[in-house]
Amino acid sequence: LVVETVGGKADTINDAVHLVRRRGTVTVLGLFPTFPNLNALALVLKEVRLLGAMTYGRSGERADFERALDLLARDPQG
């Protein structure tokens, strides 16, 4: 799993596709003002799953990152 959190005009989705293992997952949290460039060939050849996720706005008593840290502590291998 590689989590992209930068967004903006950075090339971080392609970086994530490059870094993730074959058949791994890239989760995109960053927000992009325009459609980001994507190396679709690398995405297909590595059979990468690309997943968008909404965060930073969840209601409740615990912050999103606190929940994520708890999940990682319980299962570091994911």
Protein backbone atom coordinates (compact mmCIF):
# COMPACT_ATOMS: atom_id res chain seq x y z
CA LEU A 1 0.00 0.00 0.00
CA VAL A 2 1.21 3.46 -0.92
CA VAL A 3 -0.80 6.45 0.27
CA GLU A 4 -0.62 9.65 -1.77
CA THR A 5 -1.38 12.64 0.44
CA VAL A 6 0.14 15.62 -1.38
CA GLY A 7 -2.16 16.45 -4.28
CA GLY A 8 -1.76 19.88 -5.85
CA LYS A 9 0.42 19.91 -8.95
CA ALA A 10 2.88 17.27 -7.71
CA ASP A 11 3.56 14.10 -9.72
CA THR A 12 2.92 11.96 -6.65
CA ILE A 13 0.40 9.56 -8.20
CA ASN A 14 3.02 8.42 -10.71
CA ASP A 15 5.59 8.24 -7.91
CA ALA A 16 3.19 6.05 -5.95
CA VAL A 17 2.53 3.74 -8.93
CA HIS A 18 6.29 3.42 -9.40
CA LEU A 19 6.90 2.63 -5.71
CA VAL A 20 4.03 0.24 -4.98
CA ARG A 21 4.68 -3.47 -5.40
CA ARG A 22 3.06 -5.44 -8.22
CA ARG A 23 -0.67 -5.86 -7.55
CA GLY A 24 -0.40 -3.33 -4.72
CA THR A 25 -2.79 -0.52 -3.92
CA VAL A 26 -2.31 3.22 -4.28
CA THR A 27 -4.76 5.21 -2.17
CA VAL A 28 -5.16 8.86 -3.17
CA LEU A 29 -6.02 11.33 -0.41
CA GLY A 30 -4.48 14.47 -1.94
CA LEU A 31 -6.68 16.86 -3.87
CA PHE A 32 -5.69 17.95 -7.38
CA PRO A 33 -6.91 21.22 -8.98
CA THR A 34 -6.75 19.60 -12.47
CA PHE A 35 -6.59 16.05 -13.75
CA PRO A 36 -3.16 14.68 -12.77
CA ASN A 37 -0.93 12.92 -15.28
CA LEU A 38 -1.03 9.17 -14.88
CA ASN A 39 1.29 6.57 -16.39
CA ALA A 40 -1.52 4.17 -17.30
CA LEU A 41 0.91 1.67 -18.84
CA ALA A 42 2.74 1.23 -15.53
CA LEU A 43 -0.60 1.04 -13.72
CA VAL A 44 -1.78 -1.77 -16.02
CA LEU A 45 1.49 -3.72 -16.27
CA LYS A 46 1.89 -3.78 -12.48
CA GLU A 47 -1.85 -4.47 -11.98
CA VAL A 48 -2.05 -1.65 -9.44
CA ARG A 49 -5.34 -0.85 -7.72
CA LEU A 50 -5.98 2.89 -7.60
CA LEU A 51 -8.35 3.93 -4.84
CA GLY A 52 -9.66 7.37 -4.01
CA ALA A 53 -10.58 8.08 -0.41
CA MET A 54 -12.24 11.00 1.34
CA THR A 55 -10.69 12.05 4.61
CA TYR A 56 -10.12 15.08 6.80
CA GLY A 57 -13.82 15.74 7.18
CA ARG A 58 -15.14 12.77 9.08
CA SER A 59 -17.25 13.63 12.08
CA GLY A 60 -16.75 12.00 15.44
CA GLU A 61 -14.65 12.29 18.53
CA ARG A 62 -11.38 10.92 17.06
CA ALA A 63 -9.32 12.39 14.23
CA ASP A 64 -8.77 10.37 11.05
CA PHE A 65 -5.02 10.08 11.54
CA GLU A 66 -5.49 8.89 15.13
CA ARG A 67 -7.72 6.10 13.82
CA ALA A 68 -5.18 5.26 11.10
CA LEU A 69 -2.35 5.04 13.63
CA ASP A 70 -4.45 2.69 15.77
CA LEU A 71 -5.10 0.45 12.75
CA LEU A 72 -1.41 0.36 11.86
CA ALA A 73 -0.46 -0.45 15.45
CA ARG A 74 -2.89 -3.39 15.47
CA ASP A 75 -1.74 -4.81 12.11
CA PRO A 76 1.58 -3.31 10.91
CA GLN A 77 1.65 -5.61 7.86
CA GLY A 78 -1.75 -4.34 6.72
